[in-house]
C-alpha atoms as a PDB file:
ATOM      1  CA  MET A   1      34.219 201.315 101.829  1.00  0.00           C
ATOM      2  CA  THR A   2      30.614 200.601 102.813  1.00  0.00           C
ATOM      3  CA  GLY A   3      31.235 201.131 106.501  1.00  0.00           C
ATOM      4  CA  GLN A   4      32.376 204.686 105.766  1.00  0.00           C
ATOM      5  CA  LEU A   5      29.249 205.651 103.825  1.00  0.00           C
ATOM      6  CA  LYS A   6      27.410 206.980 106.861  1.00  0.00           C
ATOM      7  CA  HIS A   7      24.729 208.920 104.988  1.00  0.00           C
ATOM      8  CA  VAL A   8      24.071 206.394 102.218  1.00  0.00           C
ATOM      9  CA  PHE A   9      21.109 204.054 102.539  1.00  0.00           C
ATOM     10  CA  PHE A  10      21.136 202.170  99.213  1.00  0.00           C
ATOM     11  CA  ARG A  11      24.717 200.972  98.958  1.00  0.00           C
ATOM     12  CA  PRO A  12      26.220 201.305  95.462  1.00  0.00           C
ATOM     13  CA  SER A  13      27.017 198.270  93.374  1.00  0.00           C
ATOM     14  CA  VAL A  14      30.757 198.287  92.634  1.00  0.00           C
ATOM     15  CA  GLY A  15      31.766 195.852  89.913  1.00  0.00           C
ATOM     16  CA  LYS A  16      34.741 193.674  90.758  1.00  0.00           C
ATOM     17  CA  HIS A  17      36.419 194.700  87.484  1.00  0.00           C
ATOM     18  CA  CYS A  18      35.596 198.418  87.747  1.00  0.00           C
ATOM     19  CA  GLY A  19      38.518 200.488  86.487  1.00  0.00           C
ATOM     20  CA  GLY A  20      39.872 197.514  84.573  1.00  0.00           C
ATOM     21  CA  PRO A  21      40.451 196.952  80.851  1.00  0.00           C
ATOM     22  CA  ALA A  22      36.810 197.328  79.799  1.00  0.00           C
ATOM     23  CA  PHE A  23      36.957 201.134  80.007  1.00  0.00           C
ATOM     24  CA  GLY A  24      40.372 201.849  81.485  1.00  0.00           C
ATOM     25  CA  VAL A  25      38.934 204.215  84.093  1.00  0.00           C
ATOM     26  CA  PRO A  26      36.356 203.757  86.870  1.00  0.00           C
ATOM     27  CA  VAL A  27      32.893 204.581  85.520  1.00  0.00           C
ATOM     28  CA  MET A  28      29.717 205.236  87.492  1.00  0.00           C
ATOM     29  CA  ILE A  29      26.219 205.008  86.083  1.00  0.00           C
ATOM     30  CA  LEU A  30      23.944 207.306  88.059  1.00  0.00           C
ATOM     31  CA  GLY A  31      20.277 206.358  88.065  1.00  0.00           C
ATOM     32  CA  GLU A  32      17.392 208.125  89.733  1.00  0.00           C
ATOM     33  CA  SER A  33      15.580 205.990  92.300  1.00  0.00           C
ATOM     34  CA  HIS A  34      14.127 202.662  93.327  1.00  0.00           C
ATOM     35  CA  TYR A  35      10.380 202.277  92.909  1.00  0.00           C
ATOM     36  CA  SER A  36       8.830 199.783  95.283  1.00  0.00           C
ATOM     37  CA  GLU A  37       6.113 199.382  97.887  1.00  0.00           C
ATOM     38  CA  GLU A  38       8.092 196.787  99.841  1.00  0.00           C
ATOM     39  CA  GLU A  39      10.227 197.331 102.921  1.00  0.00           C
ATOM     40  CA  PRO A  40      13.474 199.232 102.195  1.00  0.00           C
ATOM     41  CA  ASP A  41      16.561 197.057 101.800  1.00  0.00           C
ATOM     42  CA  ARG A  42      20.002 198.653 101.991  1.00  0.00           C
ATOM     43  CA  ASP A  43      21.361 196.103  99.503  1.00  0.00           C
ATOM     44  CA  LEU A  44      18.536 196.589  96.987  1.00  0.00           C
ATOM     45  CA  THR A  45      20.798 198.234  94.401  1.00  0.00           C
ATOM     46  CA  ARG A  46      23.311 195.410  94.598  1.00  0.00           C
ATOM     47  CA  LYS A  47      20.625 192.760  94.457  1.00  0.00           C
ATOM     48  CA  VAL A  48      19.029 194.232  91.337  1.00  0.00           C
ATOM     49  CA  VAL A  49      22.422 194.417  89.586  1.00  0.00           C
ATOM     50  CA  LEU A  50      23.215 190.839  90.583  1.00  0.00           C
ATOM     51  CA  GLN A  51      19.851 189.676  89.246  1.00  0.00           C
ATOM     52  CA  THR A  52      20.612 191.504  85.998  1.00  0.00           C
ATOM     53  CA  ILE A  53      24.012 189.814  85.725  1.00  0.00           C
ATOM     54  CA  ARG A  54      22.424 186.420  86.291  1.00  0.00           C
ATOM     55  CA  GLY A  55      19.700 187.084  83.733  1.00  0.00           C
ATOM     56  CA  GLU A  56      16.989 186.806  86.392  1.00  0.00           C
ATOM     57  CA  CYS A  57      15.478 190.161  85.440  1.00  0.00           C
ATOM     58  CA  ASP A  58      15.545 192.278  82.319  1.00  0.00           C
ATOM     59  CA  PHE A  59      14.674 195.876  83.155  1.00  0.00           C
ATOM     60  CA  ALA A  60      14.784 198.256  80.199  1.00  0.00           C
ATOM     61  CA  PHE A  61      16.922 200.709  82.179  1.00  0.00           C
ATOM     62  CA  PHE A  62      19.743 198.221  82.659  1.00  0.00           C
ATOM     63  CA  ARG A  63      19.468 196.753  79.154  1.00  0.00           C
ATOM     64  CA  ASN A  64      19.531 200.196  77.509  1.00  0.00           C
ATOM     65  CA  SER A  65      22.353 201.505  79.693  1.00  0.00           C
ATOM     66  CA  ALA A  66      24.558 198.540  78.873  1.00  0.00           C
ATOM     67  CA  THR A  67      23.770 198.668  75.153  1.00  0.00           C
ATOM     68  CA  ALA A  68      24.664 202.373  75.031  1.00  0.00           C
ATOM     69  CA  PHE A  69      28.154 201.444  76.271  1.00  0.00           C
ATOM     70  CA  LEU A  70      28.669 198.145  74.453  1.00  0.00           C
ATOM     71  CA  GLY A  71      26.852 198.739  71.184  1.00  0.00           C
ATOM     72  CA  ASP A  72      26.335 195.470  69.342  1.00  0.00           C
ATOM     73  CA  HIS A  73      29.004 193.590  71.289  1.00  0.00           C
ATOM     74  CA  GLY A  74      26.897 190.747  72.646  1.00  0.00           C
ATOM     75  CA  ASP A  75      24.200 190.436  75.279  1.00  0.00           C
ATOM     76  CA  PRO A  76      24.052 193.671  77.353  1.00  0.00           C
ATOM     77  CA  ARG A  77      23.312 191.642  80.489  1.00  0.00           C
ATOM     78  CA  MET A  78      26.721 190.004  80.299  1.00  0.00           C
ATOM     79  CA  PRO A  79      28.750 190.271  83.517  1.00  0.00           C
ATOM     80  CA  ARG A  80      31.612 191.961  81.704  1.00  0.00           C
ATOM     81  CA  PHE A  81      29.578 195.155  81.689  1.00  0.00           C
ATOM     82  CA  TRP A  82      27.869 195.332  85.093  1.00  0.00           C
ATOM     83  CA  GLU A  83      30.967 193.952  86.775  1.00  0.00           C
ATOM     84  CA  SER A  84      32.996 196.738  85.163  1.00  0.00           C
ATOM     85  CA  VAL A  85      31.063 199.758  86.469  1.00  0.00           C
ATOM     86  CA  ILE A  86      29.677 201.343  89.613  1.00  0.00           C
ATOM     87  CA  PHE A  87      25.913 201.699  89.728  1.00  0.00           C
ATOM     88  CA  TYR A  88      24.251 204.064  92.185  1.00  0.00           C
ATOM     89  CA  ASN A  89      20.710 205.387  92.460  1.00  0.00           C
ATOM     90  CA  TYR A  90      20.642 209.031  93.502  1.00  0.00           C
ATOM     91  CA  VAL A  91      17.457 209.171  95.616  1.00  0.00           C
ATOM     92  CA  GLN A  92      18.079 207.382  98.902  1.00  0.00           C
ATOM     93  CA  CYS A  93      14.565 206.261  99.802  1.00  0.00           C
ATOM     94  CA  LEU A  94      11.927 204.205  98.045  1.00  0.00           C
ATOM     95  CA  VAL A  95       9.541 206.067  95.753  1.00  0.00           C
ATOM     96  CA  ASP A  96       5.955 204.872  95.416  1.00  0.00           C
ATOM     97  CA  LYS A  97       5.095 203.429  92.044  1.00  0.00           C
ATOM     98  CA  GLU A  98       3.466 205.914  89.656  1.00  0.00           C
ATOM     99  CA  LYS A  99       4.844 208.831  91.712  1.00  0.00           C
ATOM    100  CA  ARG A 100       7.880 211.092  91.444  1.00  0.00           C
ATOM    101  CA  PRO A 101      10.528 211.880  94.059  1.00  0.00           C
ATOM    102  CA  THR A 102       9.578 214.782  96.298  1.00  0.00           C
ATOM    103  CA  ARG A 103      11.631 217.945  96.654  1.00  0.00           C
ATOM    104  CA  LYS A 104      12.807 216.759 100.077  1.00  0.00           C
ATOM    105  CA  MET A 105      13.968 213.446  98.608  1.00  0.00           C
ATOM    106  CA  TRP A 106      16.088 215.283  96.054  1.00  0.00           C
ATOM    107  CA  VAL A 107      17.619 217.607  98.653  1.00  0.00           C
ATOM    108  CA  ASP A 108      18.306 214.764 101.081  1.00  0.00           C
ATOM    109  CA  ALA A 109      20.130 212.855  98.334  1.00  0.00           C
ATOM    110  CA  GLU A 110      22.864 215.466  97.864  1.00  0.00           C
ATOM    111  CA  LEU A 111      25.077 214.569 100.841  1.00  0.00           C
ATOM    112  CA  PRO A 112      24.973 210.786 100.247  1.00  0.00           C
ATOM    113  CA  PHE A 113      25.933 211.291  96.605  1.00  0.00           C
ATOM    114  CA  LEU A 114      28.915 213.460  97.495  1.00  0.00           C
ATOM    115  CA  GLU A 115      29.921 210.881 100.089  1.00  0.00           C
ATOM    116  CA  VAL A 116      29.883 208.143  97.447  1.00  0.00           C
ATOM    117  CA  LEU A 117      31.946 210.227  95.023  1.00  0.00           C
ATOM    118  CA  ALA A 118      34.501 210.939  97.728  1.00  0.00           C
ATOM    119  CA  MET A 119      34.779 207.519  99.328  1.00  0.00           C
ATOM    120  CA  VAL A 120      33.828 204.739  96.930  1.00  0.00           C
ATOM    121  CA  GLU A 121      36.759 202.694  95.634  1.00  0.00           C
ATOM    122  CA  PRO A 122      37.841 202.809  92.907  1.00  0.00           C
ATOM    123  CA  SER A 123      37.099 206.516  92.615  1.00  0.00           C
ATOM    124  CA  PRO A 124      34.958 207.238  89.534  1.00  0.00           C
ATOM    125  CA  ARG A 125      36.448 209.417  86.818  1.00  0.00           C
ATOM    126  CA  LEU A 126      33.256 209.478  84.774  1.00  0.00           C
ATOM    127  CA  VAL A 127      29.667 209.669  86.045  1.00  0.00           C
ATOM    128  CA  VAL A 128      27.043 209.113  83.341  1.00  0.00           C
ATOM    129  CA  VAL A 129      23.943 210.905  84.644  1.00  0.00           C
ATOM    130  CA  LEU A 130      20.774 209.248  83.365  1.00  0.00           C
ATOM    131  CA  GLY A 131      17.691 211.414  83.687  1.00  0.00           C
ATOM    132  CA  ARG A 132      16.871 215.110  83.391  1.00  0.00           C
ATOM    133  CA  ASP A 133      15.580 215.417  86.965  1.00  0.00           C
ATOM    134  CA  THR A 134      18.622 213.643  88.361  1.00  0.00           C
ATOM    135  CA  TRP A 135      20.888 216.000  86.421  1.00  0.00           C
ATOM    136  CA  GLU A 136      19.043 219.084  87.659  1.00  0.00           C
ATOM    137  CA  ASN A 137      19.183 217.984  91.296  1.00  0.00           C
ATOM    138  CA  THR A 138      22.800 216.905  91.660  1.00  0.00           C
ATOM    139  CA  PRO A 139      24.790 219.280  93.886  1.00  0.00           C
ATOM    140  CA  CYS A 140      26.836 222.176  92.564  1.00  0.00           C
ATOM    141  CA  CYS A 141      30.383 221.365  93.597  1.00  0.00           C
ATOM    142  CA  GLY A 142      32.387 221.958  90.478  1.00  0.00           C
ATOM    143  CA  ARG A 143      31.930 223.704  87.157  1.00  0.00           C
ATOM    144  CA  ASP A 144      30.272 223.499  83.774  1.00  0.00           C
ATOM    145  CA  VAL A 145      32.694 222.252  81.126  1.00  0.00           C
ATOM    146  CA  ARG A 146      32.745 221.983  77.348  1.00  0.00           C
ATOM    147  CA  SER A 147      29.687 220.199  76.039  1.00  0.00           C
ATOM    148  CA  ILE A 148      29.787 217.150  73.780  1.00  0.00           C
ATOM    149  CA  ARG A 149      28.413 217.836  70.311  1.00  0.00           C
ATOM    150  CA  SER A 150      26.454 214.938  68.852  1.00  0.00           C
ATOM    151  CA  GLU A 151      24.009 214.890  65.936  1.00  0.00           C
ATOM    152  CA  GLY A 152      23.850 218.674  65.940  1.00  0.00           C
ATOM    153  CA  GLU A 153      23.006 218.831  69.642  1.00  0.00           C
ATOM    154  CA  GLU A 154      25.126 220.196  72.482  1.00  0.00           C
ATOM    155  CA  ILE A 155      25.103 217.694  75.352  1.00  0.00           C
ATOM    156  CA  PRO A 156      25.763 219.479  78.676  1.00  0.00           C
ATOM    157  CA  CYS A 157      28.703 218.311  80.766  1.00  0.00           C
ATOM    158  CA  TYR A 158      29.662 219.098  84.334  1.00  0.00           C
ATOM    159  CA  GLU A 159      32.866 218.443  86.234  1.00  0.00           C
ATOM    160  CA  PHE A 160      32.535 217.583  89.906  1.00  0.00           C
ATOM    161  CA  CYS A 161      35.551 218.516  92.017  1.00  0.00           C
ATOM    162  CA  ILE A 162      35.910 215.939  94.775  1.00  0.00           C
ATOM    163  CA  ARG A 163      38.976 216.058  97.040  1.00  0.00           C
ATOM    164  CA  GLY A 164      40.968 217.648  94.245  1.00  0.00           C
ATOM    165  CA  ARG A 165      39.789 215.106  91.658  1.00  0.00           C
ATOM    166  CA  ALA A 166      37.891 216.053  88.525  1.00  0.00           C
ATOM    167  CA  VAL A 167      34.926 213.806  87.715  1.00  0.00           C
ATOM    168  CA  LEU A 168      33.300 214.334  84.320  1.00  0.00           C
ATOM    169  CA  ALA A 169      29.501 214.043  84.153  1.00  0.00           C
ATOM    170  CA  PRO A 170      27.553 214.213  80.866  1.00  0.00           C
ATOM    171  CA  LYS A 171      23.765 214.577  80.857  1.00  0.00           C
ATOM    172  CA  LEU A 172      21.778 211.781  79.212  1.00  0.00           C
ATOM    173  CA  PRO A 173      18.049 210.995  79.236  1.00  0.00           C
ATOM    174  CA  HIS A 174      16.584 208.408  81.575  1.00  0.00           C
ATOM    175  CA  ALA A 175      17.403 204.991  80.130  1.00  0.00           C
ATOM    176  CA  SER A 176      13.947 203.472  80.339  1.00  0.00           C
ATOM    177  CA  ARG A 177      11.178 204.563  77.995  1.00  0.00           C
ATOM    178  CA  GLY A 178      12.110 206.227  74.720  1.00  0.00           C
ATOM    179  CA  PHE A 179      15.870 205.839  75.233  1.00  0.00           C
ATOM    180  CA  SER A 180      17.870 205.083  72.087  1.00  0.00           C
ATOM    181  CA  PRO A 181      21.200 203.377  72.946  1.00  0.00           C
ATOM    182  CA  SER A 182      22.569 204.009  69.447  1.00  0.00           C
ATOM    183  CA  ARG A 183      21.796 207.742  69.769  1.00  0.00           C
ATOM    184  CA  TRP A 184      23.674 208.102  73.042  1.00  0.00           C
ATOM    185  CA  ARG A 185      26.562 205.704  72.454  1.00  0.00           C
ATOM    186  CA  PRO A 186      28.707 208.348  70.632  1.00  0.00           C
ATOM    187  CA  VAL A 187      28.259 210.709  73.602  1.00  0.00           C
ATOM    188  CA  ILE A 188      29.422 208.031  76.032  1.00  0.00           C
ATOM    189  CA  LEU A 189      32.399 207.157  73.817  1.00  0.00           C
ATOM    190  CA  GLU A 190      33.431 210.817  73.632  1.00  0.00           C
ATOM    191  CA  ALA A 191      33.132 211.173  77.413  1.00  0.00           C
ATOM    192  CA  LEU A 192      35.268 208.056  77.897  1.00  0.00           C
ATOM    193  CA  LYS A 193      37.831 209.470  75.489  1.00  0.00           C
ATOM    194  CA  ARG A 194      38.029 212.702  77.463  1.00  0.00           C
ATOM    195  CA  VAL A 195      38.740 211.014  80.775  1.00  0.00           C
ATOM    196  CA  ALA A 196      40.850 208.085  79.531  1.00  0.00           C
ATOM    197  CA  GLY A 197      42.759 209.862  76.786  1.00  0.00           C
ATOM    198  CA  HIS A 198      42.151 207.336  74.004  1.00  0.00           C
ATOM    199  CA  GLU A 199      39.469 206.077  71.645  1.00  0.00           C
ATOM    200  CA  PHE A 200      36.963 203.367  72.525  1.00  0.00           C
ATOM    201  CA  ARG A 201      35.088 201.154  70.096  1.00  0.00           C
END
């Protein structure tokens, strides 16, 4: 898989149990970018996920993302979660700390993202988009679909069409500061239900 991702710099982390019994379908968590002043490392995404699995780091983004899926079912750093999903950061170059991705960074990230959707195995059926800017900059290659209603709010959803496959993508806030896992868990459960065809708890 990785050898075919010609336009991707930060290789996605693909959990060894992705698509297995945890969620029944392959799920991707789409983050925004890596922030660092160090030399770029193509395996940075995988290394950060591995450190999270091992309990060597505890970034709010990863803790909140996992808790939004798992609820109160144990430590969100447990391997059963991060080894059951694909994690990919959209922007494919390092962003300086305290700065935001540039317009060029967003535009340059479109082709790598589509490449990942088309070629990563197992092929994701659900992409949970974390972050308003990430949502607004993903490419238009599908259609808007029925929103998810939660707590009186309509949560936008998009459906990417990749090689004839429909990939559902709901819009969630960035999972770092101010993110409430309990607020967004029902949205994730409804999205999982749509793509898998049954309830999750």
